[in-house]
Amino acid sequence: MMVYFEASAVELTGEATEYTRTADSGDDVTHGFCPICGTPFYLRTAKHPGGIGIAVGVLGQATSNEPVRSVFEENRHEWIAVPDSTQRFPRGRN
């Protein structure tokens, strides 16, 4: 699960390896992951260059903010609870 921020508000430290692929939408998506263990921890998209998605599991502290949107709902595991107030997109966000 990713949480999304304005890229200018995020400071990434340490090393990362990036892999860019073409998404179903035709846009480029860049995945950042640990070069040692391969754990994915961020995501950038060409469609939204000012934003960055950060994997929830790598955040240093818990956040009290609820998610505002959920993308690729069609692939979400049933056991992942998403608040009713969350915007939902069956596939990618437009």
PDB file of N, CA and C in Angstrom:
ATOM      1  N   MET A   1       0.844  -1.159   0.000  1.00  0.00           N
ATOM      2  CA  MET A   1       0.000   0.000   0.000  1.00  0.00           C
ATOM      3  C   MET A   1       0.894   1.228   0.000  1.00  0.00           C
ATOM      4  N   MET A   2       0.576   2.164  -0.827  1.00  0.00           N
ATOM      5  CA  MET A   2       1.339   3.409  -0.948  1.00  0.00           C
ATOM      6  C   MET A   2       0.530   4.575  -0.402  1.00  0.00           C
ATOM      7  N   VAL A   3       1.236   5.533   0.189  1.00  0.00           N
ATOM      8  CA  VAL A   3       0.637   6.814   0.537  1.00  0.00           C
ATOM      9  C   VAL A   3       1.318   7.851  -0.338  1.00  0.00           C
ATOM     10  N   TYR A   4       0.569   8.837  -0.768  1.00  0.00           N
ATOM     11  CA  TYR A   4       1.090   9.790  -1.736  1.00  0.00           C
ATOM     12  C   TYR A   4       1.299  11.168  -1.128  1.00  0.00           C
ATOM     13  N   PHE A   5       2.409  11.785  -1.509  1.00  0.00           N
ATOM     14  CA  PHE A   5       2.813  13.087  -1.011  1.00  0.00           C
ATOM     15  C   PHE A   5       3.254  13.958  -2.181  1.00  0.00           C
ATOM     16  N   GLU A   6       3.329  15.272  -1.926  1.00  0.00           N
ATOM     17  CA  GLU A   6       3.996  16.155  -2.866  1.00  0.00           C
ATOM     18  C   GLU A   6       5.485  15.797  -2.797  1.00  0.00           C
ATOM     19  N   ALA A   7       6.114  15.595  -3.940  1.00  0.00           N
ATOM     20  CA  ALA A   7       7.522  15.174  -3.961  1.00  0.00           C
ATOM     21  C   ALA A   7       8.427  16.176  -3.251  1.00  0.00           C
ATOM     22  N   SER A   8       8.095  17.457  -3.323  1.00  0.00           N
ATOM     23  CA  SER A   8       8.921  18.484  -2.681  1.00  0.00           C
ATOM     24  C   SER A   8       8.897  18.394  -1.157  1.00  0.00           C
ATOM     25  N   ALA A   9       7.914  17.671  -0.595  1.00  0.00           N
ATOM     26  CA  ALA A   9       7.790  17.538   0.860  1.00  0.00           C
ATOM     27  C   ALA A   9       8.469  16.275   1.389  1.00  0.00           C
ATOM     28  N   VAL A  10       9.077  15.494   0.492  1.00  0.00           N
ATOM     29  CA  VAL A  10       9.673  14.215   0.873  1.00  0.00           C
ATOM     30  C   VAL A  10      11.183  14.263   0.667  1.00  0.00           C
ATOM     31  N   GLU A  11      11.914  13.784   1.667  1.00  0.00           N
ATOM     32  CA  GLU A  11      13.369  13.659   1.545  1.00  0.00           C
ATOM     33  C   GLU A  11      13.722  12.179   1.615  1.00  0.00           C
ATOM     34  N   LEU A  12      14.273  11.660   0.524  1.00  0.00           N
ATOM     35  CA  LEU A  12      14.727  10.277   0.487  1.00  0.00           C
ATOM     36  C   LEU A  12      16.209  10.252   0.825  1.00  0.00           C
ATOM     37  N   THR A  13      16.604   9.350   1.717  1.00  0.00           N
ATOM     38  CA  THR A  13      18.017   9.220   2.064  1.00  0.00           C
ATOM     39  C   THR A  13      18.461   7.788   1.790  1.00  0.00           C
ATOM     40  N   GLY A  14      19.744   7.609   1.619  1.00  0.00           N
ATOM     41  CA  GLY A  14      20.270   6.279   1.319  1.00  0.00           C
ATOM     42  C   GLY A  14      20.230   6.003  -0.170  1.00  0.00           C
ATOM     43  N   GLU A  15      20.598   4.796  -0.519  1.00  0.00           N
ATOM     44  CA  GLU A  15      20.660   4.411  -1.928  1.00  0.00           C
ATOM     45  C   GLU A  15      19.373   3.751  -2.383  1.00  0.00           C
ATOM     46  N   ALA A  16      19.079   3.908  -3.655  1.00  0.00           N
ATOM     47  CA  ALA A  16      17.923   3.253  -4.257  1.00  0.00           C
ATOM     48  C   ALA A  16      18.282   2.838  -5.672  1.00  0.00           C
ATOM     49  N   THR A  17      17.678   1.772  -6.097  1.00  0.00           N
ATOM     50  CA  THR A  17      17.772   1.352  -7.487  1.00  0.00           C
ATOM     51  C   THR A  17      16.404   1.614  -8.088  1.00  0.00           C
ATOM     52  N   GLU A  18      16.377   2.117  -9.318  1.00  0.00           N
ATOM     53  CA  GLU A  18      15.097   2.421  -9.949  1.00  0.00           C
ATOM     54  C   GLU A  18      14.870   1.542 -11.169  1.00  0.00           C
ATOM     55  N   TYR A  19      13.612   1.236 -11.382  1.00  0.00           N
ATOM     56  CA  TYR A  19      13.192   0.486 -12.557  1.00  0.00           C
ATOM     57  C   TYR A  19      11.983   1.210 -13.133  1.00  0.00           C
ATOM     58  N   THR A  20      12.039   1.558 -14.402  1.00  0.00           N
ATOM     59  CA  THR A  20      10.931   2.252 -15.058  1.00  0.00           C
ATOM     60  C   THR A  20      10.260   1.298 -16.034  1.00  0.00           C
ATOM     61  N   ARG A  21       8.941   1.266 -15.959  1.00  0.00           N
ATOM     62  CA  ARG A  21       8.158   0.423 -16.855  1.00  0.00           C
ATOM     63  C   ARG A  21       6.987   1.227 -17.399  1.00  0.00           C
ATOM     64  N   THR A  22       6.354   0.711 -18.423  1.00  0.00           N
ATOM     65  CA  THR A  22       5.161   1.346 -18.979  1.00  0.00           C
ATOM     66  C   THR A  22       3.933   0.720 -18.323  1.00  0.00           C
ATOM     67  N   ALA A  23       3.095   1.561 -17.735  1.00  0.00           N
ATOM     68  CA  ALA A  23       1.876   1.100 -17.065  1.00  0.00           C
ATOM     69  C   ALA A  23       0.794   0.791 -18.093  1.00  0.00           C
ATOM     70  N   ASP A  24      -0.294   0.195 -17.637  1.00  0.00           N
ATOM     71  CA  ASP A  24      -1.428  -0.102 -18.525  1.00  0.00           C
ATOM     72  C   ASP A  24      -1.945   1.160 -19.213  1.00  0.00           C
ATOM     73  N   SER A  25      -1.791   2.308 -18.538  1.00  0.00           N
ATOM     74  CA  SER A  25      -2.259   3.583 -19.096  1.00  0.00           C
ATOM     75  C   SER A  25      -1.384   4.077 -20.234  1.00  0.00           C
ATOM     76  N   GLY A  26      -0.188   3.491 -20.378  1.00  0.00           N
ATOM     77  CA  GLY A  26       0.769   3.951 -21.377  1.00  0.00           C
ATOM     78  C   GLY A  26       1.787   4.926 -20.812  1.00  0.00           C
ATOM     79  N   ASP A  27       1.593   5.354 -19.565  1.00  0.00           N
ATOM     80  CA  ASP A  27       2.511   6.282 -18.912  1.00  0.00           C
ATOM     81  C   ASP A  27       3.659   5.522 -18.250  1.00  0.00           C
ATOM     82  N   ASP A  28       4.814   6.197 -18.123  1.00  0.00           N
ATOM     83  CA  ASP A  28       5.949   5.606 -17.424  1.00  0.00           C
ATOM     84  C   ASP A  28       5.752   5.654 -15.918  1.00  0.00           C
ATOM     85  N   VAL A  29       6.117   4.572 -15.258  1.00  0.00           N
ATOM     86  CA  VAL A  29       6.069   4.463 -13.801  1.00  0.00           C
ATOM     87  C   VAL A  29       7.452   4.027 -13.347  1.00  0.00           C
ATOM     88  N   THR A  30       8.027   4.772 -12.403  1.00  0.00           N
ATOM     89  CA  THR A  30       9.353   4.444 -11.884  1.00  0.00           C
ATOM     90  C   THR A  30       9.218   3.921 -10.465  1.00  0.00           C
ATOM     91  N   HIS A  31       9.731   2.719 -10.250  1.00  0.00           N
ATOM     92  CA  HIS A  31       9.719   2.074  -8.940  1.00  0.00           C
ATOM     93  C   HIS A  31      11.105   2.228  -8.324  1.00  0.00           C
ATOM     94  N   GLY A  32      11.155   2.645  -7.065  1.00  0.00           N
ATOM     95  CA  GLY A  32      12.419   2.716  -6.337  1.00  0.00           C
ATOM     96  C   GLY A  32      12.459   1.605  -5.318  1.00  0.00           C
ATOM     97  N   PHE A  33      13.582   0.903  -5.244  1.00  0.00           N
ATOM     98  CA  PHE A  33      13.684  -0.205  -4.309  1.00  0.00           C
ATOM     99  C   PHE A  33      15.098  -0.318  -3.756  1.00  0.00           C
ATOM    100  N   CYS A  34      15.225  -1.048  -2.656  1.00  0.00           N
ATOM    101  CA  CYS A  34      16.512  -1.253  -2.003  1.00  0.00           C
ATOM    102  C   CYS A  34      17.423  -2.058  -2.925  1.00  0.00           C
ATOM    103  N   PRO A  35      18.646  -1.570  -3.184  1.00  0.00           N
ATOM    104  CA  PRO A  35      19.544  -2.297  -4.077  1.00  0.00           C
ATOM    105  C   PRO A  35      20.107  -3.584  -3.465  1.00  0.00           C
ATOM    106  N   ILE A  36      19.921  -3.772  -2.166  1.00  0.00           N
ATOM    107  CA  ILE A  36      20.449  -4.971  -1.502  1.00  0.00           C
ATOM    108  C   ILE A  36      19.386  -6.067  -1.400  1.00  0.00           C
ATOM    109  N   CYS A  37      18.212  -5.724  -0.846  1.00  0.00           N
ATOM    110  CA  CYS A  37      17.191  -6.759  -0.614  1.00  0.00           C
ATOM    111  C   CYS A  37      16.039  -6.720  -1.610  1.00  0.00           C
ATOM    112  N   GLY A  38      15.918  -5.636  -2.368  1.00  0.00           N
ATOM    113  CA  GLY A  38      14.865  -5.538  -3.370  1.00  0.00           C
ATOM    114  C   GLY A  38      13.527  -5.038  -2.863  1.00  0.00           C
ATOM    115  N   THR A  39      13.461  -4.615  -1.598  1.00  0.00           N
ATOM    116  CA  THR A  39      12.201  -4.115  -1.052  1.00  0.00           C
ATOM    117  C   THR A  39      11.781  -2.834  -1.763  1.00  0.00           C
ATOM    118  N   PRO A  40      10.560  -2.805  -2.333  1.00  0.00           N
ATOM    119  CA  PRO A  40      10.100  -1.575  -2.979  1.00  0.00           C
ATOM    120  C   PRO A  40       9.705  -0.537  -1.928  1.00  0.00           C
ATOM    121  N   PHE A  41      10.073   0.729  -2.160  1.00  0.00           N
ATOM    122  CA  PHE A  41       9.680   1.731  -1.165  1.00  0.00           C
ATOM    123  C   PHE A  41       9.162   3.026  -1.735  1.00  0.00           C
ATOM    124  N   TYR A  42       9.311   3.296  -3.034  1.00  0.00           N
ATOM    125  CA  TYR A  42       8.651   4.481  -3.583  1.00  0.00           C
ATOM    126  C   TYR A  42       8.259   4.265  -5.027  1.00  0.00           C
ATOM    127  N   LEU A  43       7.401   5.185  -5.500  1.00  0.00           N
ATOM    128  CA  LEU A  43       6.845   5.108  -6.840  1.00  0.00           C
ATOM    129  C   LEU A  43       6.654   6.526  -7.361  1.00  0.00           C
ATOM    130  N   ARG A  44       7.098   6.754  -8.569  1.00  0.00           N
ATOM    131  CA  ARG A  44       6.875   8.043  -9.245  1.00  0.00           C
ATOM    132  C   ARG A  44       6.226   7.757 -10.598  1.00  0.00           C
ATOM    133  N   THR A  45       5.338   8.656 -11.014  1.00  0.00           N
ATOM    134  CA  THR A  45       4.686   8.473 -12.309  1.00  0.00           C
ATOM    135  C   THR A  45       4.902   9.694 -13.187  1.00  0.00           C
ATOM    136  N   ALA A  46       5.015   9.455 -14.485  1.00  0.00           N
ATOM    137  CA  ALA A  46       5.170  10.553 -15.437  1.00  0.00           C
ATOM    138  C   ALA A  46       3.906  11.403 -15.482  1.00  0.00           C
ATOM    139  N   LYS A  47       2.770  10.778 -15.227  1.00  0.00           N
ATOM    140  CA  LYS A  47       1.493  11.489 -15.285  1.00  0.00           C
ATOM    141  C   LYS A  47       1.355  12.500 -14.147  1.00  0.00           C
ATOM    142  N   HIS A  48       1.974  12.216 -12.996  1.00  0.00           N
ATOM    143  CA  HIS A  48       1.910  13.095 -11.825  1.00  0.00           C
ATOM    144  C   HIS A  48       3.331  13.358 -11.323  1.00  0.00           C
ATOM    145  N   PRO A  49       4.113  14.128 -12.092  1.00  0.00           N
ATOM    146  CA  PRO A  49       5.535  14.309 -11.761  1.00  0.00           C
ATOM    147  C   PRO A  49       5.796  15.031 -10.442  1.00  0.00           C
ATOM    148  N   GLY A  50       4.828  15.739  -9.916  1.00  0.00           N
ATOM    149  CA  GLY A  50       5.019  16.462  -8.661  1.00  0.00           C
ATOM    150  C   GLY A  50       4.734  15.630  -7.429  1.00  0.00           C
ATOM    151  N   GLY A  51       4.366  14.369  -7.621  1.00  0.00           N
ATOM    152  CA  GLY A  51       4.012  13.525  -6.493  1.00  0.00           C
ATOM    153  C   GLY A  51       4.928  12.319  -6.363  1.00  0.00           C
ATOM    154  N   ILE A  52       4.861  11.686  -5.203  1.00  0.00           N
ATOM    155  CA  ILE A  52       5.619  10.462  -4.959  1.00  0.00           C
ATOM    156  C   ILE A  52       4.812   9.578  -4.018  1.00  0.00           C
ATOM    157  N   GLY A  53       4.773   8.298  -4.335  1.00  0.00           N
ATOM    158  CA  GLY A  53       4.121   7.326  -3.469  1.00  0.00           C
ATOM    159  C   GLY A  53       5.174   6.645  -2.614  1.00  0.00           C
ATOM    160  N   ILE A  54       4.903   6.546  -1.333  1.00  0.00           N
ATOM    161  CA  ILE A  54       5.824   5.908  -0.390  1.00  0.00           C
ATOM    162  C   ILE A  54       5.124   4.674   0.188  1.00  0.00           C
ATOM    163  N   ALA A  55       5.812   3.538   0.191  1.00  0.00           N
ATOM    164  CA  ALA A  55       5.250   2.318   0.767  1.00  0.00           C
ATOM    165  C   ALA A  55       5.027   2.528   2.263  1.00  0.00           C
ATOM    166  N   VAL A  56       3.839   2.214   2.729  1.00  0.00           N
ATOM    167  CA  VAL A  56       3.472   2.437   4.126  1.00  0.00           C
ATOM    168  C   VAL A  56       4.461   1.769   5.075  1.00  0.00           C
ATOM    169  N   GLY A  57       4.935   0.596   4.742  1.00  0.00           N
ATOM    170  CA  GLY A  57       5.816  -0.155   5.619  1.00  0.00           C
ATOM    171  C   GLY A  57       7.171   0.471   5.870  1.00  0.00           C
ATOM    172  N   VAL A  58       7.580   1.449   5.080  1.00  0.00           N
ATOM    173  CA  VAL A  58       8.903   2.052   5.289  1.00  0.00           C
ATOM    174  C   VAL A  58       8.842   3.374   6.045  1.00  0.00           C
ATOM    175  N   LEU A  59       7.639   3.823   6.384  1.00  0.00           N
ATOM    176  CA  LEU A  59       7.524   5.071   7.129  1.00  0.00           C
ATOM    177  C   LEU A  59       8.076   4.878   8.534  1.00  0.00           C
ATOM    178  N   GLY A  60       8.841   5.852   8.994  1.00  0.00           N
ATOM    179  CA  GLY A  60       9.492   5.761  10.289  1.00  0.00           C
ATOM    180  C   GLY A  60       8.554   5.836  11.470  1.00  0.00           C
ATOM    181  N   GLN A  61       7.399   6.439  11.285  1.00  0.00           N
ATOM    182  CA  GLN A  61       6.441   6.548  12.385  1.00  0.00           C
ATOM    183  C   GLN A  61       5.035   6.440  11.823  1.00  0.00           C
ATOM    184  N   ALA A  62       4.151   5.986  12.674  1.00  0.00           N
ATOM    185  CA  ALA A  62       2.760   5.859  12.244  1.00  0.00           C
ATOM    186  C   ALA A  62       2.182   7.247  11.998  1.00  0.00           C
ATOM    187  N   THR A  63       1.279   7.323  11.072  1.00  0.00           N
ATOM    188  CA  THR A  63       0.629   8.584  10.764  1.00  0.00           C
ATOM    189  C   THR A  63      -0.838   8.508  11.177  1.00  0.00           C
ATOM    190  N   SER A  64      -1.388   9.622  11.588  1.00  0.00           N
ATOM    191  CA  SER A  64      -2.793   9.637  11.970  1.00  0.00           C
ATOM    192  C   SER A  64      -3.684   9.987  10.787  1.00  0.00           C
ATOM    193  N   ASN A  65      -3.086  10.270   9.645  1.00  0.00           N
ATOM    194  CA  ASN A  65      -3.875  10.629   8.469  1.00  0.00           C
ATOM    195  C   ASN A  65      -4.432   9.379   7.804  1.00  0.00           C
ATOM    196  N   GLU A  66      -5.711   9.429   7.463  1.00  0.00           N
ATOM    197  CA  GLU A  66      -6.317   8.337   6.717  1.00  0.00           C
ATOM    198  C   GLU A  66      -6.025   8.550   5.237  1.00  0.00           C
ATOM    199  N   PRO A  67      -6.059   7.494   4.448  1.00  0.00           N
ATOM    200  CA  PRO A  67      -5.848   7.655   3.011  1.00  0.00           C
ATOM    201  C   PRO A  67      -6.964   8.485   2.395  1.00  0.00           C
ATOM    202  N   VAL A  68      -6.637   9.231   1.343  1.00  0.00           N
ATOM    203  CA  VAL A  68      -7.651  10.028   0.652  1.00  0.00           C
ATOM    204  C   VAL A  68      -8.098   9.365  -0.649  1.00  0.00           C
ATOM    205  N   ARG A  69      -7.264   8.442  -1.177  1.00  0.00           N
ATOM    206  CA  ARG A  69      -7.653   7.739  -2.401  1.00  0.00           C
ATOM    207  C   ARG A  69      -7.045   6.350  -2.410  1.00  0.00           C
ATOM    208  N   SER A  70      -7.714   5.469  -3.103  1.00  0.00           N
ATOM    209  CA  SER A  70      -7.236   4.106  -3.291  1.00  0.00           C
ATOM    210  C   SER A  70      -7.307   3.802  -4.780  1.00  0.00           C
ATOM    211  N   VAL A  71      -6.172   3.516  -5.378  1.00  0.00           N
ATOM    212  CA  VAL A  71      -6.143   3.206  -6.810  1.00  0.00           C
ATOM    213  C   VAL A  71      -5.942   1.704  -7.006  1.00  0.00           C
ATOM    214  N   PHE A  72      -6.384   1.223  -8.148  1.00  0.00           N
ATOM    215  CA  PHE A  72      -6.345  -0.197  -8.486  1.00  0.00           C
ATOM    216  C   PHE A  72      -7.129  -1.024  -7.466  1.00  0.00           C
ATOM    217  N   GLU A  73      -8.323  -0.512  -7.135  1.00  0.00           N
ATOM    218  CA  GLU A  73      -9.215  -1.207  -6.222  1.00  0.00           C
ATOM    219  C   GLU A  73      -9.514  -2.627  -6.711  1.00  0.00           C
ATOM    220  N   GLU A  74      -9.525  -2.819  -8.027  1.00  0.00           N
ATOM    221  CA  GLU A  74      -9.834  -4.150  -8.550  1.00  0.00           C
ATOM    222  C   GLU A  74      -8.790  -5.188  -8.142  1.00  0.00           C
ATOM    223  N   ASN A  75      -7.610  -4.734  -7.708  1.00  0.00           N
ATOM    224  CA  ASN A  75      -6.557  -5.649  -7.282  1.00  0.00           C
ATOM    225  C   ASN A  75      -6.355  -5.674  -5.764  1.00  0.00           C
ATOM    226  N   ARG A  76      -7.132  -4.882  -5.036  1.00  0.00           N
ATOM    227  CA  ARG A  76      -6.955  -4.785  -3.583  1.00  0.00           C
ATOM    228  C   ARG A  76      -7.394  -6.082  -2.912  1.00  0.00           C
ATOM    229  N   HIS A  77      -6.578  -6.541  -1.964  1.00  0.00           N
ATOM    230  CA  HIS A  77      -6.947  -7.717  -1.182  1.00  0.00           C
ATOM    231  C   HIS A  77      -8.158  -7.383  -0.321  1.00  0.00           C
ATOM    232  N   GLU A  78      -9.066  -8.320  -0.188  1.00  0.00           N
ATOM    233  CA  GLU A  78     -10.300  -8.085   0.568  1.00  0.00           C
ATOM    234  C   GLU A  78     -10.035  -7.740   2.025  1.00  0.00           C
ATOM    235  N   TRP A  79      -8.949  -8.206   2.594  1.00  0.00           N
ATOM    236  CA  TRP A  79      -8.668  -7.976   4.009  1.00  0.00           C
ATOM    237  C   TRP A  79      -8.081  -6.590   4.287  1.00  0.00           C
ATOM    238  N   ILE A  80      -7.787  -5.820   3.238  1.00  0.00           N
ATOM    239  CA  ILE A  80      -7.287  -4.459   3.442  1.00  0.00           C
ATOM    240  C   ILE A  80      -8.485  -3.527   3.607  1.00  0.00           C
ATOM    241  N   ALA A  81      -8.601  -2.933   4.782  1.00  0.00           N
ATOM    242  CA  ALA A  81      -9.724  -2.037   5.075  1.00  0.00           C
ATOM    243  C   ALA A  81      -9.399  -0.627   4.589  1.00  0.00           C
ATOM    244  N   VAL A  82     -10.306  -0.061   3.830  1.00  0.00           N
ATOM    245  CA  VAL A  82     -10.164   1.306   3.332  1.00  0.00           C
ATOM    246  C   VAL A  82     -11.359   2.091   3.838  1.00  0.00           C
ATOM    247  N   PRO A  83     -11.134   3.251   4.481  1.00  0.00           N
ATOM    248  CA  PRO A  83     -12.256   4.034   5.007  1.00  0.00           C
ATOM    249  C   PRO A  83     -13.275   4.388   3.919  1.00  0.00           C
ATOM    250  N   ASP A  84     -14.535   4.474   4.309  1.00  0.00           N
ATOM    251  CA  ASP A  84     -15.604   4.793   3.362  1.00  0.00           C
ATOM    252  C   ASP A  84     -15.426   6.153   2.694  1.00  0.00           C
ATOM    253  N   SER A  85     -14.764   7.086   3.370  1.00  0.00           N
ATOM    254  CA  SER A  85     -14.582   8.434   2.831  1.00  0.00           C
ATOM    255  C   SER A  85     -13.493   8.503   1.751  1.00  0.00           C
ATOM    256  N   THR A  86     -12.801   7.411   1.495  1.00  0.00           N
ATOM    257  CA  THR A  86     -11.691   7.376   0.541  1.00  0.00           C
ATOM    258  C   THR A  86     -12.198   7.360  -0.896  1.00  0.00           C
ATOM    259  N   GLN A  87     -11.581   8.181  -1.765  1.00  0.00           N
ATOM    260  CA  GLN A  87     -11.882   8.120  -3.197  1.00  0.00           C
ATOM    261  C   GLN A  87     -11.372   6.777  -3.701  1.00  0.00           C
ATOM    262  N   ARG A  88     -12.153   6.136  -4.549  1.00  0.00           N
ATOM    263  CA  ARG A  88     -11.772   4.812  -5.043  1.00  0.00           C
ATOM    264  C   ARG A  88     -11.718   4.817  -6.567  1.00  0.00           C
ATOM    265  N   PHE A  89     -10.667   4.219  -7.097  1.00  0.00           N
ATOM    266  CA  PHE A  89     -10.488   4.109  -8.536  1.00  0.00           C
ATOM    267  C   PHE A  89     -10.247   2.637  -8.875  1.00  0.00           C
ATOM    268  N   PRO A  90     -11.122   2.018  -9.680  1.00  0.00           N
ATOM    269  CA  PRO A  90     -10.961   0.606 -10.009  1.00  0.00           C
ATOM    270  C   PRO A  90      -9.587   0.312 -10.616  1.00  0.00           C
ATOM    271  N   ARG A  91      -9.109   1.224 -11.448  1.00  0.00           N
ATOM    272  CA  ARG A  91      -7.781   1.072 -12.068  1.00  0.00           C
ATOM    273  C   ARG A  91      -6.967   2.291 -11.656  1.00  0.00           C
ATOM    274  N   GLY A  92      -6.142   2.789 -12.526  1.00  0.00           N
ATOM    275  CA  GLY A  92      -5.320   3.952 -12.194  1.00  0.00           C
ATOM    276  C   GLY A  92      -6.132   5.212 -12.025  1.00  0.00           C
ATOM    277  N   ARG A  93      -5.538   6.157 -11.360  1.00  0.00           N
ATOM    278  CA  ARG A  93      -6.168   7.459 -11.134  1.00  0.00           C
ATOM    279  C   ARG A  93      -6.044   8.291 -12.389  1.00  0.00           C
ATOM    280  N   ASN A  94      -7.098   8.984 -12.766  1.00  0.00           N
ATOM    281  CA  ASN A  94      -7.068   9.835 -13.972  1.00  0.00           C
ATOM    282  C   ASN A  94      -6.457  11.169 -13.699  1.00  0.00           C
TER     283      ASN A  94
END
